[in-house]
């Protein structure tokens, strides 16, 4: 008797999902075109950069752009995966700061503002990942299990973690760290920093999972219609919780890359980064409504912002104008998405 009752509801949910997939195909094709539409923009910026500064198109400068964009790429990947499920995580920028700071202070002597434990470097590196996972676990618990608003929860977590970082470092800067904490940004493999290869591999794996693996397809289903996804047998709560954990781990690794790139950890590490993260995601076509977007688009958004920032720096544009330009880019991207999406955005 139970099968006779549940089967029609399950079949109806599957039919709804299948119908949504068929209707979404034109949108997916449009999204792909939009992803590739950023490539001509990148080429145009490269051409403009060549005229603005003779050093722009040099190999050293282009490698510098990629290296500087690696940490941002991992955090954008983290936020994009979370946004695909229809949620937000504003605390990623604070995770970029607090996770490597905790790992560093576990291995640093007390005389260098550490905890005085002086654990081995590999333990400190593992602690960075564990701190990221713990933050994501707590966020997931509050959002998924307690059903609190993701925006408010992660905003509060951002403030809490920022205060903890300032308190732990006493507003200062951490310098005396093992060389392994800088390895991702300073080690060169085949002409590029390891951080660049790591970011590229992370995006490639994510793109493959989203396109071919059931968990990846589940993210789109959850972001599109969580009730239908749940009725179709997708473990919405478990997957969403897991994405929060994964996102924070990626942000923690991104923080380690920032540490290696800067050569230190200060109390403001990651501060304001979330605005650039959302700018790159929106430019890349990640819908803030959830369920839409590709990793190619997100990566294109990262590269576009990286080139823009480098170009503005070489053109000696004051740094405070860069944020204003980023805001204008976000607004422009939203309007383009609205016009391109038509009824899909209603």
Protein backbone atom coordinates (compact mmCIF):
# COMPACT_ATOMS: atom_id res chain seq x y z
CA UNK A 1 0.00 0.00 0.00
CA UNK A 2 2.86 2.39 0.77
CA UNK A 3 4.25 1.99 -2.72
CA UNK A 4 0.89 2.79 -4.30
CA UNK A 5 0.78 6.06 -2.39
CA UNK A 6 4.38 7.24 -2.69
CA UNK A 7 5.08 6.15 -6.27
CA UNK A 8 2.74 8.68 -7.98
CA UNK A 9 4.21 11.56 -5.94
CA UNK A 10 7.74 10.41 -6.73
CA UNK A 11 6.90 10.04 -10.41
CA UNK A 12 5.33 13.48 -10.48
CA UNK A 13 8.44 15.01 -8.92
CA UNK A 14 10.64 13.23 -11.45
CA UNK A 15 8.42 14.48 -14.26
CA UNK A 16 8.69 18.03 -12.93
CA UNK A 17 12.46 17.78 -12.76
CA UNK A 18 12.62 16.35 -16.28
CA UNK A 19 10.38 19.14 -17.56
CA UNK A 20 12.55 21.76 -15.89
CA UNK A 21 15.64 20.19 -17.44
CA UNK A 22 14.08 20.33 -20.94
CA UNK A 23 13.05 23.94 -20.44
CA UNK A 24 16.48 24.80 -19.08
CA UNK A 25 18.34 23.54 -22.16
CA UNK A 26 18.00 26.80 -24.11
CA UNK A 27 19.10 28.68 -21.00
CA UNK A 28 22.13 26.40 -20.62
CA UNK A 29 23.10 27.02 -24.24
CA UNK A 30 22.69 30.77 -23.64
CA UNK A 31 24.83 30.50 -20.51
CA UNK A 32 27.57 28.77 -22.49
CA UNK A 33 27.52 31.51 -25.09
CA UNK A 34 27.74 34.08 -22.31
CA UNK A 35 30.71 32.26 -20.77
CA UNK A 36 32.61 32.36 -24.05
CA UNK A 37 31.52 35.98 -24.55
CA UNK A 38 33.98 36.93 -21.79
CA UNK A 39 36.88 35.58 -23.81
CA UNK A 40 36.70 38.37 -26.44
CA UNK A 41 36.53 40.84 -23.55
CA UNK A 42 39.72 39.34 -22.11
CA UNK A 43 41.44 39.58 -25.49
CA UNK A 44 40.33 43.21 -25.81
CA UNK A 45 41.71 44.03 -22.37
CA UNK A 46 45.01 42.38 -23.26
CA UNK A 47 45.24 44.50 -26.40
CA UNK A 48 44.40 47.67 -24.45
CA UNK A 49 46.94 46.72 -21.80
CA UNK A 50 49.63 46.40 -24.45
CA UNK A 51 49.04 50.02 -25.40
CA UNK A 52 48.77 51.27 -21.81
CA UNK A 53 52.05 49.77 -20.63
CA UNK A 54 54.85 47.99 -22.50
CA UNK A 55 55.35 45.71 -19.51
CA UNK A 56 51.74 44.48 -19.49
CA UNK A 57 52.15 41.67 -22.02
CA UNK A 58 55.48 40.49 -20.67
CA UNK A 59 55.69 36.91 -19.45
CA UNK A 60 56.59 38.00 -15.93
CA UNK A 61 53.56 40.29 -15.64
CA UNK A 62 51.11 37.73 -17.00
CA UNK A 63 52.44 35.12 -14.58
CA UNK A 64 52.05 37.69 -11.82
CA UNK A 65 48.40 38.20 -12.80
CA UNK A 66 47.78 34.45 -12.63
CA UNK A 67 49.57 34.13 -9.31
CA UNK A 68 47.68 37.05 -7.80
CA UNK A 69 44.38 35.59 -9.03
CA UNK A 70 44.91 32.05 -7.69
CA UNK A 71 43.63 32.73 -4.17
CA UNK A 72 40.65 34.69 -5.49
CA UNK A 73 39.89 31.83 -7.88
CA UNK A 74 39.58 29.29 -5.06
CA UNK A 75 37.30 31.56 -3.03
CA UNK A 76 35.17 32.31 -6.12
CA UNK A 77 34.92 28.57 -6.76
CA UNK A 78 33.82 28.07 -3.15
CA UNK A 79 31.18 30.81 -3.31
CA UNK A 80 29.95 29.67 -6.74
CA UNK A 81 29.29 26.12 -5.50
CA UNK A 82 27.38 27.47 -2.50
CA UNK A 83 25.40 29.95 -4.60
CA UNK A 84 24.42 27.15 -7.01
CA UNK A 85 22.44 25.62 -4.14
CA UNK A 86 20.62 28.92 -3.60
CA UNK A 87 22.59 29.89 -0.45
CA UNK A 88 25.28 32.45 0.42
CA UNK A 89 28.43 32.41 2.52
CA UNK A 90 29.75 35.87 3.32
CA UNK A 91 32.13 34.51 5.95
CA UNK A 92 34.53 33.10 3.34
CA UNK A 93 36.56 36.30 3.41
CA UNK A 94 37.12 35.95 7.16
CA UNK A 95 38.03 32.28 6.73
CA UNK A 96 40.77 33.44 4.36
CA UNK A 97 42.30 35.26 7.32
CA UNK A 98 41.52 33.21 10.43
CA UNK A 99 42.34 29.73 9.11
CA UNK A 100 45.98 30.36 8.12
CA UNK A 101 46.46 32.55 11.21
CA UNK A 102 45.46 29.70 13.54
CA UNK A 103 47.67 27.25 11.67
CA UNK A 104 50.61 29.64 11.82
CA UNK A 105 50.19 30.45 15.51
CA UNK A 106 50.20 26.75 16.36
CA UNK A 107 53.73 26.39 14.98
CA UNK A 108 55.15 29.80 15.96
CA UNK A 109 56.90 30.45 19.27
CA UNK A 110 55.26 32.71 21.84
CA UNK A 111 57.98 35.30 21.28
CA UNK A 112 56.72 35.68 17.70
CA UNK A 113 53.05 36.15 18.73
CA UNK A 114 52.31 32.43 18.42
CA UNK A 115 50.49 30.20 20.88
CA UNK A 116 53.85 28.84 22.05
CA UNK A 117 53.01 25.23 21.16
CA UNK A 118 55.55 25.10 18.32
CA UNK A 119 53.91 22.10 16.66
CA UNK A 120 55.45 20.68 13.45
CA UNK A 121 54.73 22.64 10.28
CA UNK A 122 52.66 19.85 8.71
CA UNK A 123 50.35 19.90 11.75
CA UNK A 124 49.86 23.63 11.30
CA UNK A 125 49.06 23.15 7.61
CA UNK A 126 46.56 20.42 8.47
CA UNK A 127 45.03 22.70 11.09
CA UNK A 128 44.36 25.32 8.39
CA UNK A 129 42.20 22.83 6.50
CA UNK A 130 40.50 21.63 9.70
CA UNK A 131 39.67 25.18 10.80
CA UNK A 132 38.10 25.82 7.40
CA UNK A 133 36.09 22.60 7.64
CA UNK A 134 34.92 23.49 11.17
CA UNK A 135 33.72 26.92 10.09
CA UNK A 136 31.84 25.42 7.17
CA UNK A 137 30.36 22.75 9.43
CA UNK A 138 29.04 25.36 11.87
CA UNK A 139 27.61 27.47 9.04
CA UNK A 140 25.97 24.40 7.54
CA UNK A 141 24.51 23.41 10.90
CA UNK A 142 22.98 26.84 11.47
CA UNK A 143 21.63 27.17 7.93
CA UNK A 144 20.60 23.59 7.15
CA UNK A 145 19.70 22.07 10.50
CA UNK A 146 18.39 25.16 12.32
CA UNK A 147 17.03 26.67 9.08
CA UNK A 148 18.40 30.14 9.79
CA UNK A 149 18.84 32.69 7.02
CA UNK A 150 22.16 31.99 5.26
CA UNK A 151 22.85 35.66 4.57
CA UNK A 152 22.43 36.72 8.21
CA UNK A 153 24.22 33.68 9.63
CA UNK A 154 27.31 34.04 7.46
CA UNK A 155 27.36 37.82 7.93
CA UNK A 156 27.42 37.26 11.69
CA UNK A 157 30.12 34.60 11.26
CA UNK A 158 32.15 37.04 9.16
CA UNK A 159 32.08 39.56 12.00
CA UNK A 160 32.84 36.94 14.67
CA UNK A 161 35.82 35.51 12.79
CA UNK A 162 37.14 38.96 11.94
CA UNK A 163 37.05 39.91 15.62
CA UNK A 164 38.75 36.63 16.58
CA UNK A 165 41.54 37.26 14.06
CA UNK A 166 42.15 40.79 15.30
CA UNK A 167 42.07 39.58 18.90
CA UNK A 168 44.40 36.62 18.32
CA UNK A 169 46.95 38.69 16.42
CA UNK A 170 46.42 41.73 18.66
CA UNK A 171 45.95 43.72 15.48
CA UNK A 172 49.49 42.95 14.40
CA UNK A 173 51.18 40.94 11.65
CA UNK A 174 52.55 37.41 11.77
CA UNK A 175 55.92 36.92 10.07
CA UNK A 176 57.91 34.13 11.69
CA UNK A 177 56.42 31.15 9.84
CA UNK A 178 58.00 28.03 8.31
CA UNK A 179 58.80 28.21 4.60
CA UNK A 180 56.18 25.53 3.91
CA UNK A 181 53.48 28.13 4.61
CA UNK A 182 54.71 30.05 1.55
CA UNK A 183 55.28 27.05 -0.72
CA UNK A 184 52.02 27.24 -2.71
CA UNK A 185 52.79 30.77 -3.87
CA UNK A 186 56.58 30.55 -4.19
CA UNK A 187 57.21 27.09 -5.64
CA UNK A 188 57.38 27.16 -9.44
CA UNK A 189 56.37 24.16 -11.55
CA UNK A 190 56.60 24.34 -15.36
CA UNK A 191 56.97 28.10 -15.19
CA UNK A 192 53.93 28.74 -12.99
CA UNK A 193 53.39 28.86 -9.21
CA UNK A 194 51.89 25.74 -7.66
CA UNK A 195 48.93 27.88 -6.56
CA UNK A 196 47.97 28.48 -10.20
CA UNK A 197 48.07 24.76 -11.00
CA UNK A 198 46.06 24.03 -7.85
CA UNK A 199 43.36 26.56 -8.77
CA UNK A 200 43.21 25.24 -12.34
CA UNK A 201 42.88 21.65 -11.11
CA UNK A 202 40.14 22.63 -8.62
CA UNK A 203 38.11 24.32 -11.34
CA UNK A 204 38.61 21.39 -13.73
CA UNK A 205 37.42 18.88 -11.12
CA UNK A 206 34.44 21.06 -10.19
CA UNK A 207 33.47 21.51 -13.85
CA UNK A 208 33.68 17.76 -14.44
CA UNK A 209 31.61 16.98 -11.33
CA UNK A 210 28.92 19.52 -12.20
CA UNK A 211 28.57 18.20 -15.72
CA UNK A 212 28.94 14.45 -15.32
CA UNK A 213 28.52 13.45 -11.66
CA UNK A 214 25.19 13.01 -9.90
CA UNK A 215 26.28 15.22 -6.98
CA UNK A 216 27.10 18.04 -9.38
CA UNK A 217 23.76 17.71 -11.12
CA UNK A 218 22.11 17.64 -7.70
CA UNK A 219 23.53 21.09 -6.92
CA UNK A 220 21.71 22.53 -9.92
CA UNK A 221 18.52 20.70 -8.94
CA UNK A 222 18.71 21.97 -5.36
CA UNK A 223 19.28 25.54 -6.47
CA UNK A 224 16.50 25.35 -9.05
CA UNK A 225 13.80 23.76 -6.89
CA UNK A 226 14.80 22.21 -3.55
CA UNK A 227 11.36 20.73 -2.93
CA UNK A 228 11.30 18.93 -6.27
CA UNK A 229 14.90 17.80 -5.73
CA UNK A 230 13.99 16.42 -2.32
CA UNK A 231 10.95 14.62 -3.72
CA UNK A 232 13.15 13.10 -6.44
CA UNK A 233 15.33 11.48 -3.80
CA UNK A 234 18.17 14.00 -3.61
CA UNK A 235 19.53 14.47 -0.11
CA UNK A 236 19.19 18.22 -0.16
CA UNK A 237 20.23 18.91 3.42
CA UNK A 238 23.28 16.65 3.37
CA UNK A 239 24.58 17.98 0.06
CA UNK A 240 24.00 21.61 1.02
CA UNK A 241 25.77 21.09 4.34
CA UNK A 242 28.66 19.39 2.56
CA UNK A 243 29.00 22.29 0.12
CA UNK A 244 29.32 24.73 3.03
CA UNK A 245 32.16 22.61 4.45
CA UNK A 246 33.87 22.28 1.06
CA UNK A 247 33.53 26.01 0.42
CA UNK A 248 35.19 26.95 3.70
CA UNK A 249 38.02 24.46 3.11
CA UNK A 250 38.68 26.03 -0.30
CA UNK A 251 38.65 29.49 1.30
CA UNK A 252 41.14 28.32 3.95
CA UNK A 253 43.49 27.04 1.23
CA UNK A 254 42.98 30.33 -0.58
CA UNK A 255 44.06 32.08 2.60
CA UNK A 256 47.24 30.00 2.69
CA UNK A 257 47.96 31.11 -0.89
CA UNK A 258 47.46 34.75 0.12
CA UNK A 259 49.86 34.18 3.01
CA UNK A 260 52.53 32.87 0.65
CA UNK A 261 51.94 35.64 -1.86
CA UNK A 262 52.18 38.41 0.75
CA UNK A 263 54.78 36.70 2.95
CA UNK A 264 52.86 37.39 6.16
CA UNK A 265 49.45 37.31 7.83
CA UNK A 266 47.92 40.53 9.06
CA UNK A 267 44.75 41.22 10.98
CA UNK A 268 43.02 42.49 7.83
CA UNK A 269 43.78 39.50 5.59
CA UNK A 270 40.76 38.82 3.39
CA UNK A 271 38.99 42.00 4.50
CA UNK A 272 36.63 43.18 1.73
CA UNK A 273 37.49 40.21 -0.48
CA UNK A 274 33.88 39.01 -0.62
CA UNK A 275 32.89 41.96 -2.83
CA UNK A 276 35.45 40.96 -5.44
CA UNK A 277 34.35 37.34 -5.10
CA UNK A 278 30.73 38.18 -5.88
CA UNK A 279 31.84 40.48 -8.69
CA UNK A 280 33.76 37.66 -10.36
CA UNK A 281 30.91 35.18 -9.86
CA UNK A 282 28.24 37.53 -11.22
CA UNK A 283 30.39 38.56 -14.17
CA UNK A 284 30.93 34.87 -14.88
CA UNK A 285 27.21 34.19 -15.05
CA UNK A 286 26.60 32.57 -11.65
CA UNK A 287 22.99 33.38 -10.81
CA UNK A 288 22.44 34.65 -7.28
CA UNK A 289 19.04 32.93 -7.41
CA UNK A 290 20.81 29.56 -7.53
CA UNK A 291 20.75 26.67 -9.98
CA UNK A 292 22.46 28.48 -12.89
CA UNK A 293 26.04 29.05 -13.86
CA UNK A 294 29.18 27.22 -14.97
CA UNK A 295 32.73 26.93 -13.72
CA UNK A 296 34.07 28.21 -17.03
CA UNK A 297 32.09 31.39 -16.52
CA UNK A 298 33.27 31.78 -12.92
CA UNK A 299 36.90 31.26 -13.93
CA UNK A 300 36.52 33.76 -16.78
CA UNK A 301 35.18 36.28 -14.28
CA UNK A 302 38.24 35.77 -12.06
CA UNK A 303 40.64 36.26 -14.96
CA UNK A 304 38.74 39.31 -16.18
CA UNK A 305 38.95 41.02 -12.79
CA UNK A 306 42.59 40.02 -12.41
CA UNK A 307 43.47 41.61 -15.75
CA UNK A 308 41.38 44.70 -14.96
CA UNK A 309 43.11 45.21 -11.61
CA UNK A 310 46.56 44.74 -13.10
CA UNK A 311 45.74 47.08 -15.96
CA UNK A 312 44.47 49.77 -13.62
CA UNK A 313 47.55 49.39 -11.42
CA UNK A 314 49.92 49.77 -14.36
CA UNK A 315 47.89 52.77 -15.52
CA UNK A 316 48.48 54.24 -12.02
CA UNK A 317 44.79 54.52 -11.25
CA UNK A 318 44.33 55.17 -7.49
CA UNK A 319 43.44 51.96 -5.64
CA UNK A 320 40.23 53.39 -4.17
CA UNK A 321 38.80 53.74 -7.68
CA UNK A 322 39.27 50.03 -8.34
CA UNK A 323 36.45 49.09 -5.93
CA UNK A 324 34.16 51.63 -7.59
CA UNK A 325 34.95 50.10 -10.97
CA UNK A 326 34.23 46.62 -9.60
CA UNK A 327 30.83 47.83 -8.40
CA UNK A 328 30.06 49.28 -11.83
CA UNK A 329 31.08 45.98 -13.42
CA UNK A 330 28.67 44.08 -11.15
CA UNK A 331 25.78 46.40 -12.05
CA UNK A 332 26.59 46.12 -15.73
CA UNK A 333 26.76 42.32 -15.53
CA UNK A 334 23.39 42.15 -13.77
CA UNK A 335 21.79 44.27 -16.48
CA UNK A 336 23.34 42.13 -19.21
CA UNK A 337 22.10 38.98 -17.46
CA UNK A 338 18.63 40.47 -17.20
CA UNK A 339 18.49 41.41 -20.87
CA UNK A 340 20.00 38.11 -22.01
CA UNK A 341 17.82 35.99 -19.73
CA UNK A 342 14.54 37.61 -20.70
CA UNK A 343 11.66 35.80 -19.07
CA UNK A 344 14.06 33.41 -17.38
CA UNK A 345 14.96 36.15 -14.93
CA UNK A 346 11.39 36.88 -13.89
